[in-house]
Amino acid sequence: MKTLRVSCVALLSLTACVSEPRYSCGVPLSAGGCRTVSRVFEDSLKMQSAKTAASEPLPVTNPVAPMAAPNPGDALLTRPRVVRVLVLPWEDDGGDLNAGGYLYLRLDRGAWTVAH
């Protein structure tokens, strides 16, 4: 009798799972359901191509006025010189891996120049 009850409960729970049109992640089919990463990527490419095909160039609403040329004798500030240095991943003496990255070094602060 006990095995019959267990079998009935298992059967009812399985039919409840089958009767709902859901995937294992719990997202209903009406909301897109569960998709693989490659499927999401393909769908995003399709959406991007549809947007670019249907899009029109946007009108310029606030055009930027061109900069006026400096007058003779005006003081100008040159751009500072900056160097980007790549530091590759490395292992220190303690055996820890350091991920590396970029260092930005400012070689000078720029200089004021006065046209003669």
PDB file of N, CA and C in Angstrom:
ATOM      1  N   MET A   1       0.826  -1.192   0.000  1.00  0.00           N
ATOM      2  CA  MET A   1       0.000   0.000   0.000  1.00  0.00           C
ATOM      3  C   MET A   1       0.872   1.258   0.000  1.00  0.00           C
ATOM      4  N   LYS A   2       1.968   1.191   0.788  1.00  0.00           N
ATOM      5  CA  LYS A   2       2.858   2.337   0.879  1.00  0.00           C
ATOM      6  C   LYS A   2       3.539   2.590  -0.464  1.00  0.00           C
ATOM      7  N   THR A   3       3.933   1.540  -1.155  1.00  0.00           N
ATOM      8  CA  THR A   3       4.579   1.713  -2.458  1.00  0.00           C
ATOM      9  C   THR A   3       3.592   2.269  -3.477  1.00  0.00           C
ATOM     10  N   LEU A   4       2.325   1.950  -3.341  1.00  0.00           N
ATOM     11  CA  LEU A   4       1.309   2.479  -4.255  1.00  0.00           C
ATOM     12  C   LEU A   4       1.160   3.985  -4.058  1.00  0.00           C
ATOM     13  N   ARG A   5       1.161   4.434  -2.824  1.00  0.00           N
ATOM     14  CA  ARG A   5       1.072   5.873  -2.545  1.00  0.00           C
ATOM     15  C   ARG A   5       2.293   6.610  -3.105  1.00  0.00           C
ATOM     16  N   VAL A   6       3.473   6.069  -2.860  1.00  0.00           N
ATOM     17  CA  VAL A   6       4.696   6.694  -3.353  1.00  0.00           C
ATOM     18  C   VAL A   6       4.672   6.758  -4.877  1.00  0.00           C
ATOM     19  N   SER A   7       4.227   5.704  -5.506  1.00  0.00           N
ATOM     20  CA  SER A   7       4.141   5.679  -6.973  1.00  0.00           C
ATOM     21  C   SER A   7       3.151   6.708  -7.485  1.00  0.00           C
ATOM     22  N   CYS A   8       2.018   6.861  -6.828  1.00  0.00           N
ATOM     23  CA  CYS A   8       1.014   7.844  -7.238  1.00  0.00           C
ATOM     24  C   CYS A   8       1.534   9.268  -7.084  1.00  0.00           C
ATOM     25  N   VAL A   9       2.202   9.539  -5.982  1.00  0.00           N
ATOM     26  CA  VAL A   9       2.756  10.870  -5.754  1.00  0.00           C
ATOM     27  C   VAL A   9       3.822  11.176  -6.795  1.00  0.00           C
ATOM     28  N   ALA A  10       4.676  10.217  -7.088  1.00  0.00           N
ATOM     29  CA  ALA A  10       5.712  10.419  -8.103  1.00  0.00           C
ATOM     30  C   ALA A  10       5.088  10.636  -9.467  1.00  0.00           C
ATOM     31  N   LEU A  11       4.077   9.890  -9.807  1.00  0.00           N
ATOM     32  CA  LEU A  11       3.413  10.026 -11.098  1.00  0.00           C
ATOM     33  C   LEU A  11       2.728  11.382 -11.221  1.00  0.00           C
ATOM     34  N   LEU A  12       2.056  11.825 -10.164  1.00  0.00           N
ATOM     35  CA  LEU A  12       1.390  13.129 -10.186  1.00  0.00           C
ATOM     36  C   LEU A  12       2.402  14.263 -10.296  1.00  0.00           C
ATOM     37  N   SER A  13       3.506  14.150  -9.619  1.00  0.00           N
ATOM     38  CA  SER A  13       4.506  15.226  -9.698  1.00  0.00           C
ATOM     39  C   SER A  13       5.139  15.264 -11.080  1.00  0.00           C
ATOM     40  N   LEU A  14       5.343  14.124 -11.706  1.00  0.00           N
ATOM     41  CA  LEU A  14       5.907  14.107 -13.054  1.00  0.00           C
ATOM     42  C   LEU A  14       4.928  14.686 -14.065  1.00  0.00           C
ATOM     43  N   THR A  15       3.650  14.389 -13.930  1.00  0.00           N
ATOM     44  CA  THR A  15       2.675  14.943 -14.871  1.00  0.00           C
ATOM     45  C   THR A  15       2.533  16.442 -14.685  1.00  0.00           C
ATOM     46  N   ALA A  16       2.728  16.921 -13.482  1.00  0.00           N
ATOM     47  CA  ALA A  16       2.683  18.375 -13.263  1.00  0.00           C
ATOM     48  C   ALA A  16       3.849  19.045 -13.959  1.00  0.00           C
ATOM     49  N   CYS A  17       5.013  18.407 -13.951  1.00  0.00           N
ATOM     50  CA  CYS A  17       6.182  18.985 -14.625  1.00  0.00           C
ATOM     51  C   CYS A  17       6.002  18.965 -16.133  1.00  0.00           C
ATOM     52  N   VAL A  18       5.429  17.910 -16.652  1.00  0.00           N
ATOM     53  CA  VAL A  18       5.267  17.779 -18.095  1.00  0.00           C
ATOM     54  C   VAL A  18       4.170  18.706 -18.605  1.00  0.00           C
ATOM     55  N   SER A  19       3.136  18.938 -17.806  1.00  0.00           N
ATOM     56  CA  SER A  19       1.999  19.734 -18.283  1.00  0.00           C
ATOM     57  C   SER A  19       2.322  21.213 -18.395  1.00  0.00           C
ATOM     58  N   GLU A  20       3.324  21.695 -17.671  1.00  0.00           N
ATOM     59  CA  GLU A  20       3.696  23.107 -17.759  1.00  0.00           C
ATOM     60  C   GLU A  20       4.712  23.294 -18.874  1.00  0.00           C
ATOM     61  N   PRO A  21       4.453  24.232 -19.822  1.00  0.00           N
ATOM     62  CA  PRO A  21       5.404  24.446 -20.914  1.00  0.00           C
ATOM     63  C   PRO A  21       6.557  25.344 -20.476  1.00  0.00           C
ATOM     64  N   ARG A  22       7.398  24.830 -19.611  1.00  0.00           N
ATOM     65  CA  ARG A  22       8.539  25.593 -19.118  1.00  0.00           C
ATOM     66  C   ARG A  22       9.804  24.793 -19.317  1.00  0.00           C
ATOM     67  N   TYR A  23      10.880  25.498 -19.305  1.00  0.00           N
ATOM     68  CA  TYR A  23      12.186  24.853 -19.386  1.00  0.00           C
ATOM     69  C   TYR A  23      12.755  24.725 -17.989  1.00  0.00           C
ATOM     70  N   SER A  24      13.892  24.129 -17.877  1.00  0.00           N
ATOM     71  CA  SER A  24      14.454  23.853 -16.562  1.00  0.00           C
ATOM     72  C   SER A  24      14.833  25.121 -15.803  1.00  0.00           C
ATOM     73  N   CYS A  25      15.045  26.234 -16.514  1.00  0.00           N
ATOM     74  CA  CYS A  25      15.447  27.453 -15.812  1.00  0.00           C
ATOM     75  C   CYS A  25      14.247  28.195 -15.223  1.00  0.00           C
ATOM     76  N   GLY A  26      13.063  27.801 -15.558  1.00  0.00           N
ATOM     77  CA  GLY A  26      11.885  28.420 -14.970  1.00  0.00           C
ATOM     78  C   GLY A  26      11.351  29.616 -15.722  1.00  0.00           C
ATOM     79  N   VAL A  27      11.880  29.904 -16.908  1.00  0.00           N
ATOM     80  CA  VAL A  27      11.384  31.028 -17.700  1.00  0.00           C
ATOM     81  C   VAL A  27      10.315  30.503 -18.642  1.00  0.00           C
ATOM     82  N   PRO A  28       9.107  31.091 -18.639  1.00  0.00           N
ATOM     83  CA  PRO A  28       8.056  30.598 -19.510  1.00  0.00           C
ATOM     84  C   PRO A  28       8.397  30.810 -20.990  1.00  0.00           C
ATOM     85  N   LEU A  29       7.807  29.989 -21.851  1.00  0.00           N
ATOM     86  CA  LEU A  29       8.033  30.117 -23.287  1.00  0.00           C
ATOM     87  C   LEU A  29       7.578  31.469 -23.808  1.00  0.00           C
ATOM     88  N   SER A  30       6.537  32.033 -23.219  1.00  0.00           N
ATOM     89  CA  SER A  30       6.039  33.340 -23.672  1.00  0.00           C
ATOM     90  C   SER A  30       7.061  34.448 -23.425  1.00  0.00           C
ATOM     91  N   ALA A  31       7.968  34.240 -22.472  1.00  0.00           N
ATOM     92  CA  ALA A  31       8.993  35.238 -22.173  1.00  0.00           C
ATOM     93  C   ALA A  31      10.308  34.936 -22.875  1.00  0.00           C
ATOM     94  N   GLY A  32      10.305  33.969 -23.770  1.00  0.00           N
ATOM     95  CA  GLY A  32      11.526  33.657 -24.512  1.00  0.00           C
ATOM     96  C   GLY A  32      12.129  32.327 -24.137  1.00  0.00           C
ATOM     97  N   GLY A  33      11.751  31.771 -22.995  1.00  0.00           N
ATOM     98  CA  GLY A  33      12.276  30.486 -22.585  1.00  0.00           C
ATOM     99  C   GLY A  33      13.774  30.512 -22.350  1.00  0.00           C
ATOM    100  N   CYS A  34      14.336  29.354 -22.148  1.00  0.00           N
ATOM    101  CA  CYS A  34      15.774  29.227 -21.938  1.00  0.00           C
ATOM    102  C   CYS A  34      16.441  28.997 -23.282  1.00  0.00           C
ATOM    103  N   ARG A  35      17.547  29.695 -23.508  1.00  0.00           N
ATOM    104  CA  ARG A  35      18.271  29.551 -24.763  1.00  0.00           C
ATOM    105  C   ARG A  35      19.748  29.372 -24.461  1.00  0.00           C
ATOM    106  N   THR A  36      20.442  28.712 -25.364  1.00  0.00           N
ATOM    107  CA  THR A  36      21.873  28.547 -25.206  1.00  0.00           C
ATOM    108  C   THR A  36      22.555  29.875 -25.503  1.00  0.00           C
ATOM    109  N   VAL A  37      23.815  29.981 -25.122  1.00  0.00           N
ATOM    110  CA  VAL A  37      24.572  31.202 -25.353  1.00  0.00           C
ATOM    111  C   VAL A  37      24.711  31.466 -26.850  1.00  0.00           C
ATOM    112  N   SER A  38      24.961  30.403 -27.617  1.00  0.00           N
ATOM    113  CA  SER A  38      25.103  30.591 -29.064  1.00  0.00           C
ATOM    114  C   SER A  38      23.794  31.051 -29.695  1.00  0.00           C
ATOM    115  N   ARG A  39      22.671  30.580 -29.187  1.00  0.00           N
ATOM    116  CA  ARG A  39      21.370  31.004 -29.721  1.00  0.00           C
ATOM    117  C   ARG A  39      21.117  32.482 -29.397  1.00  0.00           C
ATOM    118  N   VAL A  40      21.444  32.909 -28.186  1.00  0.00           N
ATOM    119  CA  VAL A  40      21.287  34.314 -27.800  1.00  0.00           C
ATOM    120  C   VAL A  40      22.160  35.196 -28.687  1.00  0.00           C
ATOM    121  N   PHE A  41      23.396  34.752 -28.961  1.00  0.00           N
ATOM    122  CA  PHE A  41      24.300  35.512 -29.810  1.00  0.00           C
ATOM    123  C   PHE A  41      23.744  35.637 -31.224  1.00  0.00           C
ATOM    124  N   GLU A  42      23.243  34.537 -31.792  1.00  0.00           N
ATOM    125  CA  GLU A  42      22.656  34.574 -33.135  1.00  0.00           C
ATOM    126  C   GLU A  42      21.455  35.511 -33.181  1.00  0.00           C
ATOM    127  N   ASP A  43      20.604  35.452 -32.163  1.00  0.00           N
ATOM    128  CA  ASP A  43      19.436  36.335 -32.120  1.00  0.00           C
ATOM    129  C   ASP A  43      19.835  37.795 -32.019  1.00  0.00           C
ATOM    130  N   SER A  44      20.897  38.088 -31.244  1.00  0.00           N
ATOM    131  CA  SER A  44      21.327  39.482 -31.119  1.00  0.00           C
ATOM    132  C   SER A  44      21.892  39.987 -32.439  1.00  0.00           C
ATOM    133  N   LEU A  45      22.591  39.127 -33.186  1.00  0.00           N
ATOM    134  CA  LEU A  45      23.094  39.530 -34.502  1.00  0.00           C
ATOM    135  C   LEU A  45      21.954  39.829 -35.465  1.00  0.00           C
ATOM    136  N   LYS A  46      20.912  39.011 -35.408  1.00  0.00           N
ATOM    137  CA  LYS A  46      19.741  39.237 -36.266  1.00  0.00           C
ATOM    138  C   LYS A  46      19.068  40.561 -35.916  1.00  0.00           C
ATOM    139  N   MET A  47      18.956  40.851 -34.615  1.00  0.00           N
ATOM    140  CA  MET A  47      18.317  42.100 -34.188  1.00  0.00           C
ATOM    141  C   MET A  47      19.158  43.296 -34.600  1.00  0.00           C
ATOM    142  N   GLN A  48      20.488  43.196 -34.495  1.00  0.00           N
ATOM    143  CA  GLN A  48      21.360  44.304 -34.884  1.00  0.00           C
ATOM    144  C   GLN A  48      21.276  44.566 -36.375  1.00  0.00           C
ATOM    145  N   SER A  49      21.248  43.500 -37.178  1.00  0.00           N
ATOM    146  CA  SER A  49      21.177  43.704 -38.622  1.00  0.00           C
ATOM    147  C   SER A  49      19.831  44.292 -39.016  1.00  0.00           C
ATOM    148  N   ALA A  50      18.771  43.926 -38.314  1.00  0.00           N
ATOM    149  CA  ALA A  50      17.456  44.497 -38.611  1.00  0.00           C
ATOM    150  C   ALA A  50      17.410  45.973 -38.224  1.00  0.00           C
ATOM    151  N   LYS A  51      18.041  46.337 -37.114  1.00  0.00           N
ATOM    152  CA  LYS A  51      18.054  47.736 -36.678  1.00  0.00           C
ATOM    153  C   LYS A  51      18.866  48.607 -37.616  1.00  0.00           C
ATOM    154  N   THR A  52      20.026  48.111 -38.046  1.00  0.00           N
ATOM    155  CA  THR A  52      20.873  48.925 -38.921  1.00  0.00           C
ATOM    156  C   THR A  52      20.257  49.062 -40.302  1.00  0.00           C
ATOM    157  N   ALA A  53      19.520  48.059 -40.748  1.00  0.00           N
ATOM    158  CA  ALA A  53      18.888  48.146 -42.060  1.00  0.00           C
ATOM    159  C   ALA A  53      17.732  49.140 -42.048  1.00  0.00           C
ATOM    160  N   ALA A  54      17.015  49.209 -40.930  1.00  0.00           N
ATOM    161  CA  ALA A  54      15.845  50.069 -40.864  1.00  0.00           C
ATOM    162  C   ALA A  54      16.155  51.459 -40.313  1.00  0.00           C
ATOM    163  N   SER A  55      17.328  51.660 -39.791  1.00  0.00           N
ATOM    164  CA  SER A  55      17.615  52.940 -39.154  1.00  0.00           C
ATOM    165  C   SER A  55      17.982  53.997 -40.187  1.00  0.00           C
ATOM    166  N   GLU A  56      17.612  55.201 -39.883  1.00  0.00           N
ATOM    167  CA  GLU A  56      17.946  56.345 -40.721  1.00  0.00           C
ATOM    168  C   GLU A  56      18.959  57.195 -39.966  1.00  0.00           C
ATOM    169  N   PRO A  57      19.747  57.980 -40.685  1.00  0.00           N
ATOM    170  CA  PRO A  57      20.692  58.845 -39.960  1.00  0.00           C
ATOM    171  C   PRO A  57      19.939  59.840 -39.083  1.00  0.00           C
ATOM    172  N   LEU A  58      20.456  60.025 -37.899  1.00  0.00           N
ATOM    173  CA  LEU A  58      19.835  60.946 -36.960  1.00  0.00           C
ATOM    174  C   LEU A  58      20.197  62.381 -37.320  1.00  0.00           C
ATOM    175  N   PRO A  59      19.231  63.302 -37.223  1.00  0.00           N
ATOM    176  CA  PRO A  59      19.552  64.694 -37.507  1.00  0.00           C
ATOM    177  C   PRO A  59      20.405  65.289 -36.394  1.00  0.00           C
ATOM    178  N   VAL A  60      21.254  66.210 -36.743  1.00  0.00           N
ATOM    179  CA  VAL A  60      22.090  66.888 -35.761  1.00  0.00           C
ATOM    180  C   VAL A  60      21.240  67.968 -35.108  1.00  0.00           C
ATOM    181  N   THR A  61      21.038  67.836 -33.810  1.00  0.00           N
ATOM    182  CA  THR A  61      20.165  68.787 -33.123  1.00  0.00           C
ATOM    183  C   THR A  61      20.935  69.958 -32.520  1.00  0.00           C
ATOM    184  N   ASN A  62      22.164  69.703 -32.083  1.00  0.00           N
ATOM    185  CA  ASN A  62      22.939  70.752 -31.449  1.00  0.00           C
ATOM    186  C   ASN A  62      24.345  70.733 -32.042  1.00  0.00           C
ATOM    187  N   PRO A  63      24.519  71.331 -33.210  1.00  0.00           N
ATOM    188  CA  PRO A  63      25.844  71.266 -33.817  1.00  0.00           C
ATOM    189  C   PRO A  63      26.867  72.040 -32.989  1.00  0.00           C
ATOM    190  N   VAL A  64      28.066  71.517 -32.943  1.00  0.00           N
ATOM    191  CA  VAL A  64      29.144  72.153 -32.201  1.00  0.00           C
ATOM    192  C   VAL A  64      29.824  73.161 -33.123  1.00  0.00           C
ATOM    193  N   ALA A  65      29.976  74.364 -32.653  1.00  0.00           N
ATOM    194  CA  ALA A  65      30.629  75.394 -33.456  1.00  0.00           C
ATOM    195  C   ALA A  65      32.109  75.062 -33.567  1.00  0.00           C
ATOM    196  N   PRO A  66      32.688  75.235 -34.744  1.00  0.00           N
ATOM    197  CA  PRO A  66      34.117  74.949 -34.879  1.00  0.00           C
ATOM    198  C   PRO A  66      34.936  75.920 -34.039  1.00  0.00           C
ATOM    199  N   MET A  67      36.073  75.424 -33.556  1.00  0.00           N
ATOM    200  CA  MET A  67      36.937  76.273 -32.744  1.00  0.00           C
ATOM    201  C   MET A  67      37.582  77.335 -33.621  1.00  0.00           C
ATOM    202  N   ALA A  68      37.662  78.508 -33.098  1.00  0.00           N
ATOM    203  CA  ALA A  68      38.304  79.597 -33.834  1.00  0.00           C
ATOM    204  C   ALA A  68      39.815  79.408 -33.779  1.00  0.00           C
ATOM    205  N   ALA A  69      40.481  79.776 -34.847  1.00  0.00           N
ATOM    206  CA  ALA A  69      41.939  79.691 -34.883  1.00  0.00           C
ATOM    207  C   ALA A  69      42.516  80.692 -33.883  1.00  0.00           C
ATOM    208  N   PRO A  70      43.598  80.321 -33.220  1.00  0.00           N
ATOM    209  CA  PRO A  70      44.171  81.238 -32.234  1.00  0.00           C
ATOM    210  C   PRO A  70      44.784  82.458 -32.923  1.00  0.00           C
ATOM    211  N   ASN A  71      44.680  83.557 -32.267  1.00  0.00           N
ATOM    212  CA  ASN A  71      45.286  84.797 -32.768  1.00  0.00           C
ATOM    213  C   ASN A  71      46.766  84.810 -32.434  1.00  0.00           C
ATOM    214  N   PRO A  72      47.551  85.499 -33.211  1.00  0.00           N
ATOM    215  CA  PRO A  72      48.982  85.598 -32.876  1.00  0.00           C
ATOM    216  C   PRO A  72      49.149  86.202 -31.484  1.00  0.00           C
ATOM    217  N   GLY A  73      50.026  85.590 -30.693  1.00  0.00           N
ATOM    218  CA  GLY A  73      50.267  86.070 -29.338  1.00  0.00           C
ATOM    219  C   GLY A  73      49.439  85.373 -28.285  1.00  0.00           C
ATOM    220  N   ASP A  74      48.424  84.574 -28.698  1.00  0.00           N
ATOM    221  CA  ASP A  74      47.617  83.838 -27.727  1.00  0.00           C
ATOM    222  C   ASP A  74      48.459  82.747 -27.082  1.00  0.00           C
ATOM    223  N   ALA A  75      48.249  82.522 -25.800  1.00  0.00           N
ATOM    224  CA  ALA A  75      48.961  81.470 -25.088  1.00  0.00           C
ATOM    225  C   ALA A  75      48.209  80.153 -25.288  1.00  0.00           C
ATOM    226  N   LEU A  76      48.930  79.105 -25.630  1.00  0.00           N
ATOM    227  CA  LEU A  76      48.346  77.785 -25.834  1.00  0.00           C
ATOM    228  C   LEU A  76      49.026  76.778 -24.921  1.00  0.00           C
ATOM    229  N   LEU A  77      48.256  75.815 -24.472  1.00  0.00           N
ATOM    230  CA  LEU A  77      48.796  74.764 -23.617  1.00  0.00           C
ATOM    231  C   LEU A  77      48.934  73.504 -24.459  1.00  0.00           C
ATOM    232  N   THR A  78      50.145  72.964 -24.549  1.00  0.00           N
ATOM    233  CA  THR A  78      50.345  71.726 -25.297  1.00  0.00           C
ATOM    234  C   THR A  78      49.837  70.550 -24.480  1.00  0.00           C
ATOM    235  N   ARG A  79      49.549  69.473 -25.174  1.00  0.00           N
ATOM    236  CA  ARG A  79      49.059  68.279 -24.499  1.00  0.00           C
ATOM    237  C   ARG A  79      50.186  67.634 -23.700  1.00  0.00           C
ATOM    238  N   PRO A  80      49.853  67.096 -22.548  1.00  0.00           N
ATOM    239  CA  PRO A  80      50.886  66.367 -21.803  1.00  0.00           C
ATOM    240  C   PRO A  80      51.232  65.071 -22.542  1.00  0.00           C
ATOM    241  N   ARG A  81      52.474  64.654 -22.449  1.00  0.00           N
ATOM    242  CA  ARG A  81      52.893  63.396 -23.071  1.00  0.00           C
ATOM    243  C   ARG A  81      52.640  62.258 -22.098  1.00  0.00           C
ATOM    244  N   VAL A  82      51.891  61.262 -22.578  1.00  0.00           N
ATOM    245  CA  VAL A  82      51.524  60.113 -21.754  1.00  0.00           C
ATOM    246  C   VAL A  82      51.945  58.853 -22.493  1.00  0.00           C
ATOM    247  N   VAL A  83      52.526  57.911 -21.764  1.00  0.00           N
ATOM    248  CA  VAL A  83      52.954  56.643 -22.329  1.00  0.00           C
ATOM    249  C   VAL A  83      52.171  55.532 -21.642  1.00  0.00           C
ATOM    250  N   ARG A  84      51.670  54.594 -22.445  1.00  0.00           N
ATOM    251  CA  ARG A  84      50.982  53.427 -21.885  1.00  0.00           C
ATOM    252  C   ARG A  84      51.957  52.260 -21.909  1.00  0.00           C
ATOM    253  N   VAL A  85      52.190  51.637 -20.746  1.00  0.00           N
ATOM    254  CA  VAL A  85      53.137  50.536 -20.605  1.00  0.00           C
ATOM    255  C   VAL A  85      52.352  49.277 -20.257  1.00  0.00           C
ATOM    256  N   LEU A  86      52.572  48.214 -21.054  1.00  0.00           N
ATOM    257  CA  LEU A  86      51.929  46.927 -20.798  1.00  0.00           C
ATOM    258  C   LEU A  86      52.763  46.129 -19.810  1.00  0.00           C
ATOM    259  N   VAL A  87      52.134  45.685 -18.728  1.00  0.00           N
ATOM    260  CA  VAL A  87      52.789  44.813 -17.751  1.00  0.00           C
ATOM    261  C   VAL A  87      52.158  43.434 -17.923  1.00  0.00           C
ATOM    262  N   LEU A  88      52.956  42.466 -18.359  1.00  0.00           N
ATOM    263  CA  LEU A  88      52.449  41.115 -18.586  1.00  0.00           C
ATOM    264  C   LEU A  88      52.223  40.399 -17.264  1.00  0.00           C
ATOM    265  N   PRO A  89      51.359  39.375 -17.245  1.00  0.00           N
ATOM    266  CA  PRO A  89      51.157  38.606 -16.011  1.00  0.00           C
ATOM    267  C   PRO A  89      52.469  37.984 -15.540  1.00  0.00           C
ATOM    268  N   TRP A  90      52.655  37.956 -14.221  1.00  0.00           N
ATOM    269  CA  TRP A  90      53.892  37.437 -13.668  1.00  0.00           C
ATOM    270  C   TRP A  90      53.645  36.809 -12.311  1.00  0.00           C
ATOM    271  N   GLU A  91      54.555  35.926 -11.926  1.00  0.00           N
ATOM    272  CA  GLU A  91      54.457  35.240 -10.641  1.00  0.00           C
ATOM    273  C   GLU A  91      55.519  35.803  -9.712  1.00  0.00           C
ATOM    274  N   ASP A  92      55.097  36.215  -8.514  1.00  0.00           N
ATOM    275  CA  ASP A  92      56.056  36.797  -7.578  1.00  0.00           C
ATOM    276  C   ASP A  92      56.767  35.711  -6.772  1.00  0.00           C
ATOM    277  N   ASP A  93      57.626  36.133  -5.837  1.00  0.00           N
ATOM    278  CA  ASP A  93      58.425  35.200  -5.043  1.00  0.00           C
ATOM    279  C   ASP A  93      57.569  34.286  -4.175  1.00  0.00           C
ATOM    280  N   GLY A  94      56.388  34.756  -3.803  1.00  0.00           N
ATOM    281  CA  GLY A  94      55.501  33.953  -2.962  1.00  0.00           C
ATOM    282  C   GLY A  94      54.652  32.969  -3.750  1.00  0.00           C
ATOM    283  N   GLY A  95      54.798  32.957  -5.088  1.00  0.00           N
ATOM    284  CA  GLY A  95      54.018  32.040  -5.909  1.00  0.00           C
ATOM    285  C   GLY A  95      52.660  32.586  -6.304  1.00  0.00           C
ATOM    286  N   ASP A  96      52.391  33.860  -6.010  1.00  0.00           N
ATOM    287  CA  ASP A  96      51.108  34.460  -6.374  1.00  0.00           C
ATOM    288  C   ASP A  96      51.172  34.984  -7.799  1.00  0.00           C
ATOM    289  N   LEU A  97      50.111  34.756  -8.562  1.00  0.00           N
ATOM    290  CA  LEU A  97      50.032  35.237  -9.932  1.00  0.00           C
ATOM    291  C   LEU A  97      49.475  36.655  -9.928  1.00  0.00           C
ATOM    292  N   ASN A  98      50.201  37.567 -10.529  1.00  0.00           N
ATOM    293  CA  ASN A  98      49.751  38.947 -10.691  1.00  0.00           C
ATOM    294  C   ASN A  98      49.250  39.089 -12.121  1.00  0.00           C
ATOM    295  N   ALA A  99      48.034  39.602 -12.272  1.00  0.00           N
ATOM    296  CA  ALA A  99      47.366  39.597 -13.568  1.00  0.00           C
ATOM    297  C   ALA A  99      48.003  40.545 -14.571  1.00  0.00           C
ATOM    298  N   GLY A 100      48.719  41.530 -14.140  1.00  0.00           N
ATOM    299  CA  GLY A 100      49.293  42.492 -15.072  1.00  0.00           C
ATOM    300  C   GLY A 100      48.259  43.525 -15.474  1.00  0.00           C
ATOM    301  N   GLY A 101      48.531  44.248 -16.531  1.00  0.00           N
ATOM    302  CA  GLY A 101      47.625  45.290 -16.995  1.00  0.00           C
ATOM    303  C   GLY A 101      48.420  46.422 -17.613  1.00  0.00           C
ATOM    304  N   TYR A 102      47.840  47.595 -17.622  1.00  0.00           N
ATOM    305  CA  TYR A 102      48.488  48.763 -18.217  1.00  0.00           C
ATOM    306  C   TYR A 102      48.844  49.777 -17.142  1.00  0.00           C
ATOM    307  N   LEU A 103      49.972  50.423 -17.322  1.00  0.00           N
ATOM    308  CA  LEU A 103      50.361  51.576 -16.515  1.00  0.00           C
ATOM    309  C   LEU A 103      50.378  52.784 -17.433  1.00  0.00           C
ATOM    310  N   TYR A 104      49.842  53.873 -16.991  1.00  0.00           N
ATOM    311  CA  TYR A 104      49.868  55.113 -17.758  1.00  0.00           C
ATOM    312  C   TYR A 104      50.818  56.081 -17.066  1.00  0.00           C
ATOM    313  N   LEU A 105      51.887  56.422 -17.752  1.00  0.00           N
ATOM    314  CA  LEU A 105      52.894  57.291 -17.175  1.00  0.00           C
ATOM    315  C   LEU A 105      52.865  58.638 -17.879  1.00  0.00           C
ATOM    316  N   ARG A 106      52.794  59.703 -17.090  1.00  0.00           N
ATOM    317  CA  ARG A 106      52.823  61.056 -17.660  1.00  0.00           C
ATOM    318  C   ARG A 106      54.269  61.524 -17.673  1.00  0.00           C
ATOM    319  N   LEU A 107      54.782  61.760 -18.882  1.00  0.00           N
ATOM    320  CA  LEU A 107      56.173  62.176 -19.018  1.00  0.00           C
ATOM    321  C   LEU A 107      56.353  63.661 -18.741  1.00  0.00           C
ATOM    322  N   ASP A 108      55.394  64.465 -19.130  1.00  0.00           N
ATOM    323  CA  ASP A 108      55.435  65.891 -18.788  1.00  0.00           C
ATOM    324  C   ASP A 108      54.004  66.394 -18.654  1.00  0.00           C
ATOM    325  N   ARG A 109      53.840  67.583 -18.110  1.00  0.00           N
ATOM    326  CA  ARG A 109      52.519  68.132 -17.833  1.00  0.00           C
ATOM    327  C   ARG A 109      51.995  69.000 -18.957  1.00  0.00           C
ATOM    328  N   GLY A 110      52.735  69.111 -20.052  1.00  0.00           N
ATOM    329  CA  GLY A 110      52.357  70.047 -21.089  1.00  0.00           C
ATOM    330  C   GLY A 110      53.058  71.362 -20.806  1.00  0.00           C
ATOM    331  N   ALA A 111      53.044  72.207 -21.789  1.00  0.00           N
ATOM    332  CA  ALA A 111      53.752  73.480 -21.606  1.00  0.00           C
ATOM    333  C   ALA A 111      52.948  74.594 -22.273  1.00  0.00           C
ATOM    334  N   TRP A 112      53.067  75.789 -21.719  1.00  0.00           N
ATOM    335  CA  TRP A 112      52.457  76.945 -22.337  1.00  0.00           C
ATOM    336  C   TRP A 112      53.371  77.441 -23.462  1.00  0.00           C
ATOM    337  N   THR A 113      52.756  77.648 -24.593  1.00  0.00           N
ATOM    338  CA  THR A 113      53.528  78.179 -25.719  1.00  0.00           C
ATOM    339  C   THR A 113      52.909  79.495 -26.141  1.00  0.00           C
ATOM    340  N   VAL A 114      53.746  80.403 -26.511  1.00  0.00           N
ATOM    341  CA  VAL A 114      53.279  81.706 -26.967  1.00  0.00           C
ATOM    342  C   VAL A 114      53.822  81.893 -28.377  1.00  0.00           C
ATOM    343  N   ALA A 115      52.902  82.125 -29.315  1.00  0.00           N
ATOM    344  CA  ALA A 115      53.345  82.345 -30.701  1.00  0.00           C
ATOM    345  C   ALA A 115      54.114  83.648 -30.789  1.00  0.00           C
ATOM    346  N   HIS A 116      55.197  83.672 -31.569  1.00  0.00           N
ATOM    347  CA  HIS A 116      56.002  84.883 -31.722  1.00  0.00           C
ATOM    348  C   HIS A 116      55.571  85.645 -32.939  1.00  0.00           C
TER     349      HIS A 116
END
